Amino acid sequence: MFDNSNSQLPVAKGFLTVPGNVDIAINSGILYLDSYVDLIAVELTPDGKCIEHKRLKNYFPYNAYQAIPESLYVYFYSYDESKGVVVGYESK
């Protein structure tokens, strides 16, 4: 997050790390973003704080491969969706 009140000298106010984030949008001071299968709305305050406004769990379709770069040819023999989203892997 940046303070752009002086466009010639923007000031970094903070950084938000969101696991599994691919896309964002901002509207009326609310940051909308994905975190794997959840949709999250975060309020951005003038003092640089980020407050989770709302979270819609399992909003996006489950994709076991979303955390794996497309350039890798990976196939999961099996995975248990009830255990959560696959966020990494170990090659053997």
Protein backbone atom coordinates (compact mmCIF):
# COMPACT_ATOMS: atom_id res chain seq x y z
CA MET A 1 0.00 0.00 0.00
CA PHE A 2 1.31 3.44 -0.91
CA ASP A 3 0.42 6.96 0.15
CA ASN A 4 0.21 8.84 -3.16
CA SER A 5 -0.89 12.18 -1.69
CA ASN A 6 2.35 13.56 -3.14
CA SER A 7 2.57 11.88 -6.55
CA GLN A 8 6.21 12.94 -6.89
CA LEU A 9 7.14 11.19 -3.65
CA PRO A 10 4.94 8.13 -2.92
CA VAL A 11 5.46 6.58 0.51
CA ALA A 12 5.23 2.83 1.12
CA LYS A 13 2.76 2.26 3.97
CA GLY A 14 2.63 -1.52 4.07
CA PHE A 15 2.50 -4.82 2.23
CA LEU A 16 -0.20 -7.47 2.46
CA THR A 17 0.85 -11.10 1.95
CA VAL A 18 -2.04 -13.35 0.97
CA PRO A 19 -1.37 -17.06 0.35
CA GLY A 20 -2.81 -18.32 -2.93
CA ASN A 21 -3.59 -14.84 -4.25
CA VAL A 22 -3.83 -14.48 -8.03
CA ASP A 23 -6.06 -11.47 -8.66
CA ILE A 24 -7.13 -8.24 -6.91
CA ALA A 25 -9.55 -5.35 -7.41
CA ILE A 26 -10.15 -2.17 -5.40
CA ASN A 27 -13.45 -0.28 -5.15
CA SER A 28 -14.43 2.44 -2.66
CA GLY A 29 -11.56 1.68 -0.26
CA ILE A 30 -12.23 -2.06 -0.23
CA LEU A 31 -9.63 -4.47 -1.61
CA TYR A 32 -11.17 -7.64 -3.08
CA LEU A 33 -8.85 -10.61 -3.49
CA ASP A 34 -8.74 -14.35 -3.73
CA SER A 35 -6.94 -16.68 -1.35
CA TYR A 36 -7.06 -20.12 -2.96
CA VAL A 37 -10.83 -20.84 -2.88
CA ASP A 38 -11.93 -17.94 -0.64
CA LEU A 39 -12.98 -14.43 -1.69
CA ILE A 40 -11.85 -11.79 0.80
CA ALA A 41 -12.85 -8.13 1.16
CA VAL A 42 -10.29 -6.03 3.06
CA GLU A 43 -10.92 -2.46 4.22
CA LEU A 44 -7.95 -0.19 3.56
CA THR A 45 -7.72 2.52 6.21
CA PRO A 46 -6.04 5.92 5.67
CA ASP A 47 -3.38 5.06 8.27
CA GLY A 48 -2.29 2.00 6.26
CA LYS A 49 -4.08 -0.70 8.22
CA CYS A 50 -5.84 -3.59 6.48
CA ILE A 51 -8.95 -4.93 8.19
CA GLU A 52 -10.69 -8.08 6.94
CA HIS A 53 -14.19 -6.86 6.15
CA LYS A 54 -15.70 -10.12 4.90
CA ARG A 55 -14.61 -13.59 3.78
CA LEU A 56 -16.67 -15.87 1.57
CA LYS A 57 -15.30 -19.36 2.15
CA ASN A 58 -15.18 -21.79 -0.78
CA TYR A 59 -16.40 -19.07 -3.16
CA PHE A 60 -14.20 -20.24 -6.04
CA PRO A 61 -14.13 -23.77 -7.47
CA TYR A 62 -11.61 -26.12 -5.88
CA ASN A 63 -8.53 -26.70 -8.03
CA ALA A 64 -5.88 -28.99 -6.57
CA TYR A 65 -3.34 -27.69 -9.08
CA GLN A 66 -3.73 -23.93 -8.57
CA ALA A 67 -0.58 -23.56 -6.45
CA ILE A 68 1.61 -25.41 -8.96
CA PRO A 69 3.28 -23.57 -11.86
CA GLU A 70 1.76 -24.51 -15.21
CA SER A 71 5.21 -25.28 -16.60
CA LEU A 72 5.45 -28.38 -14.38
CA TYR A 73 3.80 -31.60 -15.39
CA VAL A 74 2.34 -32.77 -12.10
CA TYR A 75 -0.44 -35.27 -11.53
CA PHE A 76 -1.84 -36.15 -8.11
CA TYR A 77 -2.72 -39.82 -7.93
CA SER A 78 -5.21 -38.92 -5.22
CA TYR A 79 -5.98 -36.05 -2.89
CA ASP A 80 -8.56 -35.54 -0.19
CA GLU A 81 -10.42 -32.28 -0.79
CA SER A 82 -11.84 -32.42 2.76
CA LYS A 83 -8.30 -31.81 4.11
CA GLY A 84 -8.10 -28.42 2.39
CA VAL A 85 -6.38 -26.92 -0.62
CA VAL A 86 -3.09 -28.29 -1.93
CA VAL A 87 -0.59 -25.44 -1.42
CA GLY A 88 2.58 -27.22 -2.47
CA TYR A 89 4.11 -30.55 -3.32
CA GLU A 90 7.25 -32.61 -2.98
CA SER A 91 8.66 -34.33 -6.05
CA LYS A 92 9.79 -37.93 -5.50
